[in-house]
């Protein structure tokens, strides 16, 4: 039964991540093609609650693969990850979006 839950979580994450990837690509393409850039680059520190090293690695790499975000560092105690974001005007929304990805990855690797 446990393996079926993991398979479900993986499929759910792949569909979720693909949707987020398409959304971010469209948003960045729109921003580039319009006359006024809406980007507001910044650095965000996100608390980590993924416990496994492989989960943290997957999370950091998947964040970097999404347009507009780049993982910079993971703290020594693995409690925080530093991310450069292209649109940081609304930090709460950025934290929520990153938190959604982290929550889904945590389901897979816990």
PDB file of N, CA and C in Angstrom:
ATOM      1  N   UNK A   1       0.807  -1.193   0.000  1.00  0.00           N
ATOM      2  CA  UNK A   1       0.000   0.000   0.000  1.00  0.00           C
ATOM      3  C   UNK A   1       0.855   1.265   0.000  1.00  0.00           C
ATOM      4  N   UNK A   2       1.970   1.210   0.727  1.00  0.00           N
ATOM      5  CA  UNK A   2       2.876   2.364   0.814  1.00  0.00           C
ATOM      6  C   UNK A   2       3.438   2.715  -0.561  1.00  0.00           C
ATOM      7  N   UNK A   3       3.765   1.688  -1.353  1.00  0.00           N
ATOM      8  CA  UNK A   3       4.343   1.941  -2.684  1.00  0.00           C
ATOM      9  C   UNK A   3       3.312   2.619  -3.597  1.00  0.00           C
ATOM     10  N   UNK A   4       2.044   2.270  -3.444  1.00  0.00           N
ATOM     11  CA  UNK A   4       1.005   2.911  -4.250  1.00  0.00           C
ATOM     12  C   UNK A   4       0.866   4.391  -3.898  1.00  0.00           C
ATOM     13  N   UNK A   5       1.003   4.719  -2.607  1.00  0.00           N
ATOM     14  CA  UNK A   5       0.956   6.125  -2.202  1.00  0.00           C
ATOM     15  C   UNK A   5       2.128   6.899  -2.800  1.00  0.00           C
ATOM     16  N   UNK A   6       3.321   6.286  -2.778  1.00  0.00           N
ATOM     17  CA  UNK A   6       4.499   6.959  -3.344  1.00  0.00           C
ATOM     18  C   UNK A   6       4.319   7.180  -4.845  1.00  0.00           C
ATOM     19  N   UNK A   7       3.796   6.176  -5.533  1.00  0.00           N
ATOM     20  CA  UNK A   7       3.568   6.321  -6.981  1.00  0.00           C
ATOM     21  C   UNK A   7       2.567   7.445  -7.242  1.00  0.00           C
ATOM     22  N   UNK A   8       1.511   7.493  -6.438  1.00  0.00           N
ATOM     23  CA  UNK A   8       0.528   8.565  -6.573  1.00  0.00           C
ATOM     24  C   UNK A   8       1.170   9.934  -6.349  1.00  0.00           C
ATOM     25  N   UNK A   9       1.998  10.049  -5.296  1.00  0.00           N
ATOM     26  CA  UNK A   9       2.666  11.313  -4.997  1.00  0.00           C
ATOM     27  C   UNK A   9       3.615  11.727  -6.119  1.00  0.00           C
ATOM     28  N   UNK A  10       4.300  10.774  -6.717  1.00  0.00           N
ATOM     29  CA  UNK A  10       5.218  11.085  -7.823  1.00  0.00           C
ATOM     30  C   UNK A  10       4.434  11.594  -9.031  1.00  0.00           C
ATOM     31  N   UNK A  11       3.354  10.896  -9.388  1.00  0.00           N
ATOM     32  CA  UNK A  11       2.538  11.321 -10.532  1.00  0.00           C
ATOM     33  C   UNK A  11       1.923  12.696 -10.258  1.00  0.00           C
ATOM     34  N   UNK A  12       1.412  12.887  -9.036  1.00  0.00           N
ATOM     35  CA  UNK A  12       0.843  14.183  -8.657  1.00  0.00           C
ATOM     36  C   UNK A  12       1.886  15.292  -8.775  1.00  0.00           C
ATOM     37  N   UNK A  13       3.110  15.012  -8.315  1.00  0.00           N
ATOM     38  CA  UNK A  13       4.159  16.026  -8.377  1.00  0.00           C
ATOM     39  C   UNK A  13       4.555  16.340  -9.819  1.00  0.00           C
ATOM     40  N   UNK A  14       4.689  15.325 -10.647  1.00  0.00           N
ATOM     41  CA  UNK A  14       5.087  15.548 -12.048  1.00  0.00           C
ATOM     42  C   UNK A  14       4.067  16.438 -12.745  1.00  0.00           C
ATOM     43  N   UNK A  15       2.786  16.156 -12.550  1.00  0.00           N
ATOM     44  CA  UNK A  15       1.750  16.994 -13.167  1.00  0.00           C
ATOM     45  C   UNK A  15       1.773  18.417 -12.606  1.00  0.00           C
ATOM     46  N   UNK A  16       1.908  18.543 -11.281  1.00  0.00           N
ATOM     47  CA  UNK A  16       1.984  19.849 -10.630  1.00  0.00           C
ATOM     48  C   UNK A  16       3.193  20.641 -11.131  1.00  0.00           C
ATOM     49  N   UNK A  17       4.363  19.989 -11.166  1.00  0.00           N
ATOM     50  CA  UNK A  17       5.584  20.674 -11.570  1.00  0.00           C
ATOM     51  C   UNK A  17       5.526  21.078 -13.046  1.00  0.00           C
ATOM     52  N   UNK A  18       4.978  20.214 -13.889  1.00  0.00           N
ATOM     53  CA  UNK A  18       4.851  20.544 -15.306  1.00  0.00           C
ATOM     54  C   UNK A  18       3.971  21.778 -15.489  1.00  0.00           C
ATOM     55  N   UNK A  19       2.871  21.852 -14.743  1.00  0.00           N
ATOM     56  CA  UNK A  19       1.989  23.014 -14.821  1.00  0.00           C
ATOM     57  C   UNK A  19       2.715  24.282 -14.370  1.00  0.00           C
ATOM     58  N   UNK A  20       3.439  24.207 -13.253  1.00  0.00           N
ATOM     59  CA  UNK A  20       4.194  25.364 -12.758  1.00  0.00           C
ATOM     60  C   UNK A  20       5.275  25.777 -13.759  1.00  0.00           C
ATOM     61  N   UNK A  21       5.905  24.805 -14.376  1.00  0.00           N
ATOM     62  CA  UNK A  21       6.948  25.086 -15.365  1.00  0.00           C
ATOM     63  C   UNK A  21       6.370  25.827 -16.570  1.00  0.00           C
ATOM     64  N   UNK A  22       5.239  25.375 -17.058  1.00  0.00           N
ATOM     65  CA  UNK A  22       4.580  26.037 -18.193  1.00  0.00           C
ATOM     66  C   UNK A  22       4.149  27.450 -17.800  1.00  0.00           C
ATOM     67  N   UNK A  23       3.550  27.593 -16.609  1.00  0.00           N
ATOM     68  CA  UNK A  23       3.107  28.910 -16.151  1.00  0.00           C
ATOM     69  C   UNK A  23       4.275  29.894 -16.066  1.00  0.00           C
ATOM     70  N   UNK A  24       5.382  29.460 -15.479  1.00  0.00           N
ATOM     71  CA  UNK A  24       6.514  30.377 -15.319  1.00  0.00           C
ATOM     72  C   UNK A  24       7.148  30.719 -16.665  1.00  0.00           C
ATOM     73  N   UNK A  25       7.201  29.780 -17.586  1.00  0.00           N
ATOM     74  CA  UNK A  25       7.730  30.078 -18.916  1.00  0.00           C
ATOM     75  C   UNK A  25       6.863  31.091 -19.651  1.00  0.00           C
ATOM     76  N   UNK A  26       5.564  30.922 -19.568  1.00  0.00           N
ATOM     77  CA  UNK A  26       4.648  31.867 -20.221  1.00  0.00           C
ATOM     78  C   UNK A  26       4.775  33.245 -19.584  1.00  0.00           C
ATOM     79  N   UNK A  27       4.855  33.305 -18.261  1.00  0.00           N
ATOM     80  CA  UNK A  27       4.960  34.593 -17.567  1.00  0.00           C
ATOM     81  C   UNK A  27       6.247  35.326 -17.940  1.00  0.00           C
ATOM     82  N   UNK A  28       7.349  34.603 -17.973  1.00  0.00           N
ATOM     83  CA  UNK A  28       8.621  35.240 -18.323  1.00  0.00           C
ATOM     84  C   UNK A  28       8.635  35.648 -19.794  1.00  0.00           C
ATOM     85  N   UNK A  29       8.094  34.813 -20.684  1.00  0.00           N
ATOM     86  CA  UNK A  29       8.024  35.168 -22.101  1.00  0.00           C
ATOM     87  C   UNK A  29       7.170  36.426 -22.295  1.00  0.00           C
ATOM     88  N   UNK A  30       6.047  36.499 -21.600  1.00  0.00           N
ATOM     89  CA  UNK A  30       5.187  37.686 -21.680  1.00  0.00           C
ATOM     90  C   UNK A  30       5.935  38.921 -21.176  1.00  0.00           C
ATOM     91  N   UNK A  31       6.650  38.763 -20.068  1.00  0.00           N
ATOM     92  CA  UNK A  31       7.391  39.886 -19.490  1.00  0.00           C
ATOM     93  C   UNK A  31       8.478  40.376 -20.450  1.00  0.00           C
ATOM     94  N   UNK A  32       9.123  39.466 -21.118  1.00  0.00           N
ATOM     95  CA  UNK A  32      10.184  39.837 -22.066  1.00  0.00           C
ATOM     96  C   UNK A  32       9.601  40.550 -23.291  1.00  0.00           C
ATOM     97  N   UNK A  33       8.461  40.076 -23.758  1.00  0.00           N
ATOM     98  CA  UNK A  33       7.883  40.622 -24.985  1.00  0.00           C
ATOM     99  C   UNK A  33       7.111  41.930 -24.786  1.00  0.00           C
ATOM    100  N   UNK A  34       6.763  42.273 -23.566  1.00  0.00           N
ATOM    101  CA  UNK A  34       6.064  43.536 -23.319  1.00  0.00           C
ATOM    102  C   UNK A  34       7.087  44.653 -23.104  1.00  0.00           C
ATOM    103  N   UNK A  35       6.697  45.897 -23.367  1.00  0.00           N
ATOM    104  CA  UNK A  35       7.658  47.005 -23.278  1.00  0.00           C
ATOM    105  C   UNK A  35       8.226  47.244 -21.871  1.00  0.00           C
ATOM    106  N   UNK A  36       7.431  47.095 -20.842  1.00  0.00           N
ATOM    107  CA  UNK A  36       7.904  47.373 -19.487  1.00  0.00           C
ATOM    108  C   UNK A  36       8.169  46.076 -18.742  1.00  0.00           C
ATOM    109  N   UNK A  37       9.409  45.908 -18.303  1.00  0.00           N
ATOM    110  CA  UNK A  37       9.740  44.711 -17.532  1.00  0.00           C
ATOM    111  C   UNK A  37       9.153  44.818 -16.134  1.00  0.00           C
ATOM    112  N   UNK A  38       8.591  43.728 -15.665  1.00  0.00           N
ATOM    113  CA  UNK A  38       7.995  43.700 -14.330  1.00  0.00           C
ATOM    114  C   UNK A  38       8.891  42.990 -13.326  1.00  0.00           C
ATOM    115  N   UNK A  39      10.073  42.616 -13.739  1.00  0.00           N
ATOM    116  CA  UNK A  39      10.951  41.859 -12.842  1.00  0.00           C
ATOM    117  C   UNK A  39      11.453  42.748 -11.703  1.00  0.00           C
ATOM    118  N   UNK A  40      11.618  42.125 -10.556  1.00  0.00           N
ATOM    119  CA  UNK A  40      12.120  42.776  -9.356  1.00  0.00           C
ATOM    120  C   UNK A  40      12.980  41.737  -8.635  1.00  0.00           C
ATOM    121  N   UNK A  41      14.224  41.537  -9.115  1.00  0.00           N
ATOM    122  CA  UNK A  41      15.058  40.462  -8.581  1.00  0.00           C
ATOM    123  C   UNK A  41      15.351  40.639  -7.097  1.00  0.00           C
ATOM    124  N   UNK A  42      15.476  39.513  -6.421  1.00  0.00           N
ATOM    125  CA  UNK A  42      15.791  39.551  -5.008  1.00  0.00           C
ATOM    126  C   UNK A  42      16.197  38.181  -4.482  1.00  0.00           C
ATOM    127  N   UNK A  43      16.649  38.184  -3.248  1.00  0.00           N
ATOM    128  CA  UNK A  43      17.084  36.959  -2.575  1.00  0.00           C
ATOM    129  C   UNK A  43      16.061  36.641  -1.485  1.00  0.00           C
ATOM    130  N   UNK A  44      15.652  35.380  -1.415  1.00  0.00           N
ATOM    131  CA  UNK A  44      14.678  34.940  -0.421  1.00  0.00           C
ATOM    132  C   UNK A  44      15.266  33.766   0.349  1.00  0.00           C
ATOM    133  N   UNK A  45      15.146  33.813   1.669  1.00  0.00           N
ATOM    134  CA  UNK A  45      15.554  32.680   2.512  1.00  0.00           C
ATOM    135  C   UNK A  45      14.305  31.897   2.869  1.00  0.00           C
ATOM    136  N   UNK A  46      14.315  30.630   2.500  1.00  0.00           N
ATOM    137  CA  UNK A  46      13.152  29.771   2.698  1.00  0.00           C
ATOM    138  C   UNK A  46      13.476  28.713   3.739  1.00  0.00           C
ATOM    139  N   UNK A  47      12.647  28.570   4.770  1.00  0.00           N
ATOM    140  CA  UNK A  47      12.891  27.507   5.744  1.00  0.00           C
ATOM    141  C   UNK A  47      12.689  26.128   5.105  1.00  0.00           C
ATOM    142  N   UNK A  48      13.572  25.209   5.428  1.00  0.00           N
ATOM    143  CA  UNK A  48      13.492  23.849   4.896  1.00  0.00           C
ATOM    144  C   UNK A  48      12.859  22.933   5.924  1.00  0.00           C
ATOM    145  N   UNK A  49      11.937  22.105   5.490  1.00  0.00           N
ATOM    146  CA  UNK A  49      11.443  21.060   6.371  1.00  0.00           C
ATOM    147  C   UNK A  49      11.514  19.696   5.712  1.00  0.00           C
ATOM    148  N   UNK A  50      12.300  19.594   4.651  1.00  0.00           N
ATOM    149  CA  UNK A  50      12.602  18.296   4.045  1.00  0.00           C
ATOM    150  C   UNK A  50      13.751  17.698   4.851  1.00  0.00           C
ATOM    151  N   UNK A  51      13.597  16.462   5.265  1.00  0.00           N
ATOM    152  CA  UNK A  51      14.597  15.875   6.168  1.00  0.00           C
ATOM    153  C   UNK A  51      15.711  15.122   5.448  1.00  0.00           C
ATOM    154  N   UNK A  52      15.435  14.530   4.298  1.00  0.00           N
ATOM    155  CA  UNK A  52      16.459  13.715   3.636  1.00  0.00           C
ATOM    156  C   UNK A  52      17.370  14.570   2.754  1.00  0.00           C
ATOM    157  N   UNK A  53      18.631  14.162   2.688  1.00  0.00           N
ATOM    158  CA  UNK A  53      19.593  14.876   1.838  1.00  0.00           C
ATOM    159  C   UNK A  53      19.188  14.803   0.366  1.00  0.00           C
ATOM    160  N   UNK A  54      18.711  13.636  -0.064  1.00  0.00           N
ATOM    161  CA  UNK A  54      18.299  13.488  -1.460  1.00  0.00           C
ATOM    162  C   UNK A  54      17.079  14.361  -1.760  1.00  0.00           C
ATOM    163  N   UNK A  55      16.171  14.489  -0.800  1.00  0.00           N
ATOM    164  CA  UNK A  55      15.011  15.358  -0.974  1.00  0.00           C
ATOM    165  C   UNK A  55      15.413  16.817  -1.112  1.00  0.00           C
ATOM    166  N   UNK A  56      16.385  17.242  -0.295  1.00  0.00           N
ATOM    167  CA  UNK A  56      16.888  18.624  -0.381  1.00  0.00           C
ATOM    168  C   UNK A  56      17.568  18.853  -1.727  1.00  0.00           C
ATOM    169  N   UNK A  57      18.341  17.870  -2.172  1.00  0.00           N
ATOM    170  CA  UNK A  57      19.005  17.969  -3.472  1.00  0.00           C
ATOM    171  C   UNK A  57      17.980  18.086  -4.599  1.00  0.00           C
ATOM    172  N   UNK A  58      16.964  17.240  -4.564  1.00  0.00           N
ATOM    173  CA  UNK A  58      15.922  17.288  -5.595  1.00  0.00           C
ATOM    174  C   UNK A  58      15.193  18.627  -5.567  1.00  0.00           C
ATOM    175  N   UNK A  59      14.872  19.093  -4.370  1.00  0.00           N
ATOM    176  CA  UNK A  59      14.178  20.372  -4.218  1.00  0.00           C
ATOM    177  C   UNK A  59      15.004  21.524  -4.779  1.00  0.00           C
ATOM    178  N   UNK A  60      16.279  21.572  -4.407  1.00  0.00           N
ATOM    179  CA  UNK A  60      17.161  22.651  -4.878  1.00  0.00           C
ATOM    180  C   UNK A  60      17.308  22.624  -6.394  1.00  0.00           C
ATOM    181  N   UNK A  61      17.461  21.442  -6.963  1.00  0.00           N
ATOM    182  CA  UNK A  61      17.618  21.342  -8.415  1.00  0.00           C
ATOM    183  C   UNK A  61      16.329  21.680  -9.154  1.00  0.00           C
ATOM    184  N   UNK A  62      15.201  21.229  -8.634  1.00  0.00           N
ATOM    185  CA  UNK A  62      13.935  21.540  -9.290  1.00  0.00           C
ATOM    186  C   UNK A  62      13.609  23.032  -9.209  1.00  0.00           C
ATOM    187  N   UNK A  63      13.989  23.672  -8.118  1.00  0.00           N
ATOM    188  CA  UNK A  63      13.803  25.128  -8.039  1.00  0.00           C
ATOM    189  C   UNK A  63      14.649  25.837  -9.095  1.00  0.00           C
ATOM    190  N   UNK A  64      15.880  25.372  -9.267  1.00  0.00           N
ATOM    191  CA  UNK A  64      16.778  26.016 -10.232  1.00  0.00           C
ATOM    192  C   UNK A  64      16.344  25.772 -11.669  1.00  0.00           C
ATOM    193  N   UNK A  65      15.618  24.685 -11.908  1.00  0.00           N
ATOM    194  CA  UNK A  65      15.156  24.389 -13.267  1.00  0.00           C
ATOM    195  C   UNK A  65      13.953  25.246 -13.664  1.00  0.00           C
ATOM    196  N   UNK A  66      13.279  25.812 -12.685  1.00  0.00           N
ATOM    197  CA  UNK A  66      12.126  26.652 -12.971  1.00  0.00           C
ATOM    198  C   UNK A  66      12.608  28.043 -13.376  1.00  0.00           C
ATOM    199  N   UNK A  67      12.139  28.566 -14.507  1.00  0.00           N
ATOM    200  CA  UNK A  67      12.565  29.905 -14.927  1.00  0.00           C
ATOM    201  C   UNK A  67      12.249  30.959 -13.877  1.00  0.00           C
ATOM    202  N   UNK A  68      13.220  31.809 -13.608  1.00  0.00           N
ATOM    203  CA  UNK A  68      13.019  32.894 -12.656  1.00  0.00           C
ATOM    204  C   UNK A  68      13.527  32.592 -11.264  1.00  0.00           C
ATOM    205  N   UNK A  69      13.980  31.371 -11.010  1.00  0.00           N
ATOM    206  CA  UNK A  69      14.510  31.025  -9.692  1.00  0.00           C
ATOM    207  C   UNK A  69      15.850  30.322  -9.834  1.00  0.00           C
ATOM    208  N   UNK A  70      16.695  30.516  -8.829  1.00  0.00           N
ATOM    209  CA  UNK A  70      18.008  29.872  -8.806  1.00  0.00           C
ATOM    210  C   UNK A  70      18.398  29.628  -7.362  1.00  0.00           C
ATOM    211  N   UNK A  71      18.682  28.379  -7.029  1.00  0.00           N
ATOM    212  CA  UNK A  71      19.117  28.048  -5.679  1.00  0.00           C
ATOM    213  C   UNK A  71      20.553  28.506  -5.503  1.00  0.00           C
ATOM    214  N   UNK A  72      20.803  29.263  -4.448  1.00  0.00           N
ATOM    215  CA  UNK A  72      22.140  29.785  -4.193  1.00  0.00           C
ATOM    216  C   UNK A  72      22.880  28.955  -3.158  1.00  0.00           C
ATOM    217  N   UNK A  73      22.203  28.651  -2.041  1.00  0.00           N
ATOM    218  CA  UNK A  73      22.906  27.980  -0.943  1.00  0.00           C
ATOM    219  C   UNK A  73      21.910  27.250  -0.050  1.00  0.00           C
ATOM    220  N   UNK A  74      22.416  26.223   0.617  1.00  0.00           N
ATOM    221  CA  UNK A  74      21.682  25.535   1.675  1.00  0.00           C
ATOM    222  C   UNK A  74      22.509  25.725   2.940  1.00  0.00           C
ATOM    223  N   UNK A  75      21.854  26.109   4.028  1.00  0.00           N
ATOM    224  CA  UNK A  75      22.582  26.354   5.276  1.00  0.00           C
ATOM    225  C   UNK A  75      23.236  25.069   5.779  1.00  0.00           C
ATOM    226  N   UNK A  76      24.278  25.229   6.588  1.00  0.00           N
ATOM    227  CA  UNK A  76      25.023  24.088   7.126  1.00  0.00           C
ATOM    228  C   UNK A  76      24.123  23.139   7.916  1.00  0.00           C
ATOM    229  N   UNK A  77      23.176  23.695   8.666  1.00  0.00           N
ATOM    230  CA  UNK A  77      22.293  22.860   9.491  1.00  0.00           C
ATOM    231  C   UNK A  77      21.085  22.335   8.705  1.00  0.00           C
ATOM    232  N   UNK A  78      21.011  22.638   7.414  1.00  0.00           N
ATOM    233  CA  UNK A  78      19.950  22.186   6.503  1.00  0.00           C
ATOM    234  C   UNK A  78      18.557  22.615   6.962  1.00  0.00           C
ATOM    235  N   UNK A  79      18.493  23.804   7.521  1.00  0.00           N
ATOM    236  CA  UNK A  79      17.208  24.341   7.968  1.00  0.00           C
ATOM    237  C   UNK A  79      16.719  25.499   7.097  1.00  0.00           C
ATOM    238  N   UNK A  80      17.561  25.930   6.140  1.00  0.00           N
ATOM    239  CA  UNK A  80      17.218  27.085   5.323  1.00  0.00           C
ATOM    240  C   UNK A  80      17.885  26.957   3.954  1.00  0.00           C
ATOM    241  N   UNK A  81      17.175  27.418   2.935  1.00  0.00           N
ATOM    242  CA  UNK A  81      17.721  27.443   1.584  1.00  0.00           C
ATOM    243  C   UNK A  81      17.614  28.876   1.064  1.00  0.00           C
ATOM    244  N   UNK A  82      18.641  29.338   0.393  1.00  0.00           N
ATOM    245  CA  UNK A  82      18.683  30.700  -0.144  1.00  0.00           C
ATOM    246  C   UNK A  82      18.418  30.621  -1.642  1.00  0.00           C
ATOM    247  N   UNK A  83      17.427  31.384  -2.092  1.00  0.00           N
ATOM    248  CA  UNK A  83      16.990  31.325  -3.486  1.00  0.00           C
ATOM    249  C   UNK A  83      16.973  32.726  -4.084  1.00  0.00           C
ATOM    250  N   UNK A  84      17.511  32.851  -5.294  1.00  0.00           N
ATOM    251  CA  UNK A  84      17.391  34.104  -6.046  1.00  0.00           C
ATOM    252  C   UNK A  84      16.143  33.979  -6.898  1.00  0.00           C
ATOM    253  N   UNK A  85      15.263  34.970  -6.785  1.00  0.00           N
ATOM    254  CA  UNK A  85      14.031  34.971  -7.573  1.00  0.00           C
ATOM    255  C   UNK A  85      13.985  36.213  -8.448  1.00  0.00           C
ATOM    256  N   UNK A  86      13.390  36.063  -9.600  1.00  0.00           N
ATOM    257  CA  UNK A  86      13.313  37.175 -10.551  1.00  0.00           C
ATOM    258  C   UNK A  86      12.181  38.145 -10.198  1.00  0.00           C
ATOM    259  N   UNK A  87      11.137  37.632  -9.541  1.00  0.00           N
ATOM    260  CA  UNK A  87       9.985  38.459  -9.180  1.00  0.00           C
ATOM    261  C   UNK A  87       9.778  38.367  -7.665  1.00  0.00           C
ATOM    262  N   UNK A  88      10.400  39.284  -6.936  1.00  0.00           N
ATOM    263  CA  UNK A  88      10.364  39.193  -5.474  1.00  0.00           C
ATOM    264  C   UNK A  88       9.570  40.318  -4.815  1.00  0.00           C
ATOM    265  N   UNK A  89       8.763  41.016  -5.578  1.00  0.00           N
ATOM    266  CA  UNK A  89       7.997  42.121  -4.998  1.00  0.00           C
ATOM    267  C   UNK A  89       7.060  41.636  -3.894  1.00  0.00           C
ATOM    268  N   UNK A  90       6.386  40.531  -4.115  1.00  0.00           N
ATOM    269  CA  UNK A  90       5.468  39.962  -3.135  1.00  0.00           C
ATOM    270  C   UNK A  90       6.119  38.704  -2.540  1.00  0.00           C
ATOM    271  N   UNK A  91       6.900  38.896  -1.489  1.00  0.00           N
ATOM    272  CA  UNK A  91       7.667  37.783  -0.907  1.00  0.00           C
ATOM    273  C   UNK A  91       6.773  36.696  -0.326  1.00  0.00           C
ATOM    274  N   UNK A  92       5.592  37.062   0.173  1.00  0.00           N
ATOM    275  CA  UNK A  92       4.687  36.054   0.717  1.00  0.00           C
ATOM    276  C   UNK A  92       4.226  35.093  -0.381  1.00  0.00           C
ATOM    277  N   UNK A  93       3.923  35.628  -1.556  1.00  0.00           N
ATOM    278  CA  UNK A  93       3.499  34.785  -2.672  1.00  0.00           C
ATOM    279  C   UNK A  93       4.647  33.885  -3.130  1.00  0.00           C
ATOM    280  N   UNK A  94       5.852  34.432  -3.158  1.00  0.00           N
ATOM    281  CA  UNK A  94       7.026  33.640  -3.538  1.00  0.00           C
ATOM    282  C   UNK A  94       7.229  32.504  -2.545  1.00  0.00           C
ATOM    283  N   UNK A  95       7.137  32.815  -1.248  1.00  0.00           N
ATOM    284  CA  UNK A  95       7.307  31.795  -0.212  1.00  0.00           C
ATOM    285  C   UNK A  95       6.215  30.722  -0.322  1.00  0.00           C
ATOM    286  N   UNK A  96       4.992  31.139  -0.644  1.00  0.00           N
ATOM    287  CA  UNK A  96       3.898  30.184  -0.791  1.00  0.00           C
ATOM    288  C   UNK A  96       4.157  29.240  -1.954  1.00  0.00           C
ATOM    289  N   UNK A  97       4.572  29.794  -3.100  1.00  0.00           N
ATOM    290  CA  UNK A  97       4.848  28.977  -4.282  1.00  0.00           C
ATOM    291  C   UNK A  97       5.976  27.974  -4.016  1.00  0.00           C
ATOM    292  N   UNK A  98       7.047  28.450  -3.413  1.00  0.00           N
ATOM    293  CA  UNK A  98       8.175  27.574  -3.104  1.00  0.00           C
ATOM    294  C   UNK A  98       7.755  26.543  -2.055  1.00  0.00           C
ATOM    295  N   UNK A  99       6.931  26.952  -1.116  1.00  0.00           N
ATOM    296  CA  UNK A  99       6.438  26.039  -0.090  1.00  0.00           C
ATOM    297  C   UNK A  99       5.593  24.910  -0.664  1.00  0.00           C
ATOM    298  N   UNK A 100       4.810  25.207  -1.702  1.00  0.00           N
ATOM    299  CA  UNK A 100       4.016  24.172  -2.361  1.00  0.00           C
ATOM    300  C   UNK A 100       4.913  23.098  -2.966  1.00  0.00           C
ATOM    301  N   UNK A 101       5.970  23.523  -3.648  1.00  0.00           N
ATOM    302  CA  UNK A 101       6.901  22.568  -4.251  1.00  0.00           C
ATOM    303  C   UNK A 101       7.563  21.743  -3.161  1.00  0.00           C
ATOM    304  N   UNK A 102       7.980  22.401  -2.104  1.00  0.00           N
ATOM    305  CA  UNK A 102       8.647  21.709  -1.006  1.00  0.00           C
ATOM    306  C   UNK A 102       7.724  20.683  -0.341  1.00  0.00           C
ATOM    307  N   UNK A 103       6.472  21.045  -0.167  1.00  0.00           N
ATOM    308  CA  UNK A 103       5.515  20.146   0.463  1.00  0.00           C
ATOM    309  C   UNK A 103       5.315  18.885  -0.377  1.00  0.00           C
ATOM    310  N   UNK A 104       5.212  19.042  -1.680  1.00  0.00           N
ATOM    311  CA  UNK A 104       4.999  17.883  -2.552  1.00  0.00           C
ATOM    312  C   UNK A 104       6.247  16.997  -2.608  1.00  0.00           C
ATOM    313  N   UNK A 105       7.417  17.601  -2.620  1.00  0.00           N
ATOM    314  CA  UNK A 105       8.662  16.816  -2.604  1.00  0.00           C
ATOM    315  C   UNK A 105       8.820  16.087  -1.276  1.00  0.00           C
ATOM    316  N   UNK A 106       8.421  16.738  -0.198  1.00  0.00           N
ATOM    317  CA  UNK A 106       8.515  16.121   1.115  1.00  0.00           C
ATOM    318  C   UNK A 106       7.648  14.866   1.220  1.00  0.00           C
ATOM    319  N   UNK A 107       6.480  14.886   0.572  1.00  0.00           N
ATOM    320  CA  UNK A 107       5.616  13.702   0.554  1.00  0.00           C
ATOM    321  C   UNK A 107       6.313  12.520  -0.116  1.00  0.00           C
ATOM    322  N   UNK A 108       7.054  12.811  -1.172  1.00  0.00           N
ATOM    323  CA  UNK A 108       7.715  11.740  -1.919  1.00  0.00           C
ATOM    324  C   UNK A 108       8.886  11.156  -1.142  1.00  0.00           C
ATOM    325  N   UNK A 109       9.696  12.010  -0.514  1.00  0.00           N
ATOM    326  CA  UNK A 109      10.931  11.556   0.107  1.00  0.00           C
ATOM    327  C   UNK A 109      10.840  11.287   1.610  1.00  0.00           C
ATOM    328  N   UNK A 110       9.667  11.445   2.194  1.00  0.00           N
ATOM    329  CA  UNK A 110       9.564  11.161   3.634  1.00  0.00           C
ATOM    330  C   UNK A 110       9.198   9.708   3.891  1.00  0.00           C
TER     331      UNK A 110
END
